[in-house]
Amino acid sequence: MAYDDTLFQLGMDLTRSSTAQKEDLNEIAPVAQDERKDFFIERDGVRFAGTHLIIDLFGARRLDDLKYVEQTLKRCVEVAGATLLHIHLHHFTPNGGVSGVAVLSESHISIHSWPEADYAALDVFMCGEAKPHLAIDVLRKAFHAEDVVVKEHLRGEELEEMKWQTAASRKAPVRLMKVTAKQAA
């Protein structure tokens, strides 16, 4: 009971959701003022959002070494000319695989490894001027992969040119809310 009283005194209404309370305050999502820093790619006359490489490493080694996996992902980012924001990796049991993601300004690199099968699955997705294909050789050499299978998907290539122009010029949506006199008081 004392806990509820304290929350009420802090202005928290426990009978209504926090979203409903925010709506009462007429909070509006901020509008992005800056132009987008990333941009779409055009290659061989095709315009698309980014290059998504789906990479399978077979006969690979050092897939259970968390620090080595992290160093390898950082090297991939470096050679591709991308910008690393942060890396989050998880090691499953002492001899288990590693799963995680390197978040980039240009998108991401993710990894899931199964050292017991000498196998790793990676996604390398980048937009802008980054060169994701350069990461393939880094991965092959770093993990001593016997075989590497790469599939490329150009993300968003199906969109018509007009849709790209419209999307690029759009601002963040603003949600206007009606506030009654009773709510404002």
Protein backbone atom coordinates (compact mmCIF):
# COMPACT_ATOMS: atom_id res chain seq x y z
CA MET A 1 0.00 0.00 0.00
CA ALA A 2 2.78 2.44 0.90
CA TYR A 3 4.44 1.59 -2.46
CA ASP A 4 1.26 2.52 -4.34
CA ASP A 5 0.96 5.77 -2.36
CA THR A 6 4.54 6.69 -3.25
CA LEU A 7 3.95 6.04 -6.94
CA PHE A 8 0.77 8.10 -6.83
CA GLN A 9 2.64 10.98 -5.18
CA LEU A 10 5.20 10.80 -7.98
CA GLY A 11 2.38 11.31 -10.45
CA MET A 12 2.03 7.70 -11.55
CA ASP A 13 -1.55 6.58 -12.01
CA LEU A 14 -1.56 2.83 -11.43
CA THR A 15 -5.04 2.41 -12.88
CA ARG A 16 -4.00 3.48 -16.40
CA SER A 17 -1.18 2.42 -18.73
CA SER A 18 1.87 4.63 -19.15
CA THR A 19 0.96 5.09 -22.82
CA ALA A 20 -2.46 6.44 -21.89
CA GLN A 21 -0.87 8.77 -19.36
CA LYS A 22 1.56 10.11 -21.98
CA GLU A 23 -1.34 10.73 -24.35
CA ASP A 24 -2.97 12.84 -21.66
CA LEU A 25 0.13 15.01 -21.60
CA ASN A 26 -0.14 15.49 -25.36
CA GLU A 27 3.34 14.14 -25.96
CA ILE A 28 4.21 14.08 -29.64
CA ALA A 29 6.96 12.05 -31.24
CA PRO A 30 9.91 14.27 -32.14
CA VAL A 31 10.41 15.01 -35.81
CA ALA A 32 13.80 14.23 -37.26
CA GLN A 33 15.39 17.52 -38.28
CA ASP A 34 18.50 16.16 -39.96
CA GLU A 35 18.60 14.64 -43.40
CA ARG A 36 19.39 10.94 -43.50
CA LYS A 37 23.12 10.25 -43.38
CA ASP A 38 22.87 6.90 -45.17
CA PHE A 39 21.88 6.52 -48.76
CA PHE A 40 20.78 3.95 -51.25
CA ILE A 41 23.08 2.15 -53.62
CA GLU A 42 23.01 2.07 -57.38
CA ARG A 43 24.91 -0.70 -59.15
CA ASP A 44 24.57 -1.66 -62.81
CA GLY A 45 21.52 0.58 -63.11
CA VAL A 46 19.74 -1.07 -60.17
CA ARG A 47 18.85 1.01 -57.11
CA PHE A 48 18.52 -0.79 -53.76
CA ALA A 49 18.75 -0.27 -49.99
CA GLY A 50 21.74 -2.47 -49.28
CA THR A 51 23.65 -5.64 -49.98
CA HIS A 52 22.77 -8.61 -47.78
CA LEU A 53 25.25 -11.47 -47.88
CA ILE A 54 24.19 -14.78 -46.36
CA ILE A 55 27.41 -16.67 -45.63
CA ASP A 56 27.86 -20.30 -44.59
CA LEU A 57 31.28 -21.44 -43.38
CA PHE A 58 31.92 -25.19 -43.47
CA GLY A 59 34.92 -26.96 -41.96
CA ALA A 60 35.63 -23.84 -39.91
CA ARG A 61 37.75 -23.53 -36.75
CA ARG A 62 37.96 -21.27 -33.67
CA LEU A 63 34.19 -20.86 -33.64
CA ASP A 64 34.06 -21.22 -29.84
CA ASP A 65 36.67 -18.51 -29.12
CA LEU A 66 34.66 -15.44 -28.09
CA LYS A 67 37.55 -12.95 -28.24
CA TYR A 68 38.69 -14.28 -31.61
CA VAL A 69 35.17 -14.03 -33.05
CA GLU A 70 34.96 -10.42 -31.82
CA GLN A 71 38.35 -9.55 -33.36
CA THR A 72 37.29 -11.14 -36.64
CA LEU A 73 34.03 -9.19 -36.79
CA LYS A 74 35.95 -5.96 -36.10
CA ARG A 75 38.35 -6.83 -38.93
CA CYS A 76 35.39 -7.42 -41.28
CA VAL A 77 33.99 -4.00 -40.41
CA GLU A 78 37.39 -2.39 -40.99
CA VAL A 79 38.08 -3.91 -44.40
CA ALA A 80 34.51 -3.23 -45.59
CA GLY A 81 34.92 0.45 -44.74
CA ALA A 82 31.98 0.39 -42.36
CA THR A 83 31.46 2.13 -39.01
CA LEU A 84 31.18 -0.03 -35.87
CA LEU A 85 28.68 1.18 -33.27
CA HIS A 86 28.88 -1.81 -30.89
CA ILE A 87 29.25 -5.57 -30.70
CA HIS A 88 27.19 -7.91 -28.56
CA LEU A 89 28.23 -11.57 -28.44
CA HIS A 90 27.04 -14.49 -26.32
CA HIS A 91 29.08 -17.63 -25.67
CA PHE A 92 27.00 -20.77 -25.11
CA THR A 93 28.74 -22.97 -22.51
CA PRO A 94 32.54 -23.10 -22.32
CA ASN A 95 32.93 -25.13 -25.53
CA GLY A 96 29.70 -24.04 -27.20
CA GLY A 97 29.07 -21.72 -30.06
CA VAL A 98 28.97 -17.97 -30.26
CA SER A 99 25.99 -15.89 -31.37
CA GLY A 100 25.86 -12.16 -31.72
CA VAL A 101 25.81 -9.04 -33.78
CA ALA A 102 28.05 -6.17 -34.73
CA VAL A 103 25.79 -3.14 -35.14
CA LEU A 104 27.06 -0.75 -37.80
CA SER A 105 26.05 2.68 -38.98
CA GLU A 106 25.62 0.94 -42.33
CA SER A 107 23.59 -1.97 -40.85
CA HIS A 108 24.98 -5.14 -39.21
CA ILE A 109 26.99 -8.36 -39.23
CA SER A 110 25.55 -11.30 -37.31
CA ILE A 111 27.04 -14.69 -36.48
CA HIS A 112 25.78 -18.00 -35.13
CA SER A 113 28.35 -20.76 -34.75
CA TRP A 114 28.24 -24.50 -34.08
CA PRO A 115 31.83 -25.52 -33.30
CA GLU A 116 30.79 -29.15 -32.79
CA ALA A 117 29.83 -29.19 -36.49
CA ASP A 118 32.64 -26.86 -37.66
CA TYR A 119 29.91 -24.60 -39.06
CA ALA A 120 29.02 -20.91 -38.82
CA ALA A 121 26.17 -18.90 -40.34
CA LEU A 122 26.70 -15.19 -40.89
CA ASP A 123 24.69 -12.30 -42.27
CA VAL A 124 26.57 -9.30 -43.57
CA PHE A 125 24.19 -6.47 -44.46
CA MET A 126 25.55 -3.07 -45.45
CA CYS A 127 24.34 0.02 -47.24
CA GLY A 128 26.02 3.17 -48.47
CA GLU A 129 29.62 2.99 -49.65
CA ALA A 130 30.57 0.03 -47.46
CA LYS A 131 31.91 -3.01 -49.32
CA PRO A 132 30.45 -6.11 -47.61
CA HIS A 133 32.02 -8.53 -50.12
CA LEU A 134 35.46 -7.74 -48.67
CA ALA A 135 34.39 -9.43 -45.42
CA ILE A 136 34.14 -12.83 -47.14
CA ASP A 137 37.89 -13.35 -47.48
CA VAL A 138 38.46 -12.14 -43.90
CA LEU A 139 36.00 -14.75 -42.63
CA ARG A 140 37.43 -17.54 -44.82
CA LYS A 141 40.99 -16.92 -43.61
CA ALA A 142 40.19 -16.16 -39.97
CA PHE A 143 38.15 -19.32 -39.44
CA HIS A 144 40.22 -21.50 -41.83
CA ALA A 145 37.00 -22.49 -43.59
CA GLU A 146 37.29 -25.41 -45.98
CA ASP A 147 34.22 -24.25 -47.89
CA VAL A 148 32.35 -20.95 -48.04
CA VAL A 149 28.91 -20.53 -49.60
CA VAL A 150 27.66 -16.99 -50.21
CA LYS A 151 24.23 -15.88 -51.35
CA GLU A 152 23.64 -12.23 -52.18
CA HIS A 153 20.33 -10.43 -51.85
CA LEU A 154 19.89 -6.81 -52.88
CA ARG A 155 17.50 -5.51 -50.24
CA GLY A 156 14.63 -3.37 -51.50
CA GLU A 157 15.52 -3.76 -55.16
CA GLU A 158 11.89 -4.48 -56.07
CA LEU A 159 10.75 -0.99 -55.08
CA GLU A 160 9.96 1.35 -57.92
CA GLU A 161 12.09 4.46 -58.35
CA MET A 162 9.19 6.72 -57.36
CA LYS A 163 8.79 4.88 -54.05
CA TRP A 164 12.50 5.49 -53.30
CA GLN A 165 12.10 9.19 -54.01
CA THR A 166 9.03 9.39 -51.80
CA ALA A 167 10.68 7.45 -48.97
CA ALA A 168 13.84 9.57 -49.09
CA SER A 169 11.88 12.83 -48.84
CA ARG A 170 9.54 11.70 -46.05
CA LYS A 171 9.93 13.07 -42.53
CA ALA A 172 9.22 11.13 -39.36
CA PRO A 173 5.47 10.88 -38.78
CA VAL A 174 3.88 13.05 -36.13
CA ARG A 175 0.96 11.72 -34.16
CA LEU A 176 -1.34 14.53 -33.16
CA MET A 177 -3.58 13.93 -30.19
CA LYS A 178 -6.76 15.58 -29.18
CA VAL A 179 -6.65 16.92 -25.64
CA THR A 180 -9.90 17.88 -24.01
CA ALA A 181 -10.18 20.79 -21.60
CA LYS A 182 -10.67 18.30 -18.77
CA GLN A 183 -7.46 16.46 -19.67
CA ALA A 184 -5.47 19.69 -19.96
CA ALA A 185 -6.52 20.85 -16.48
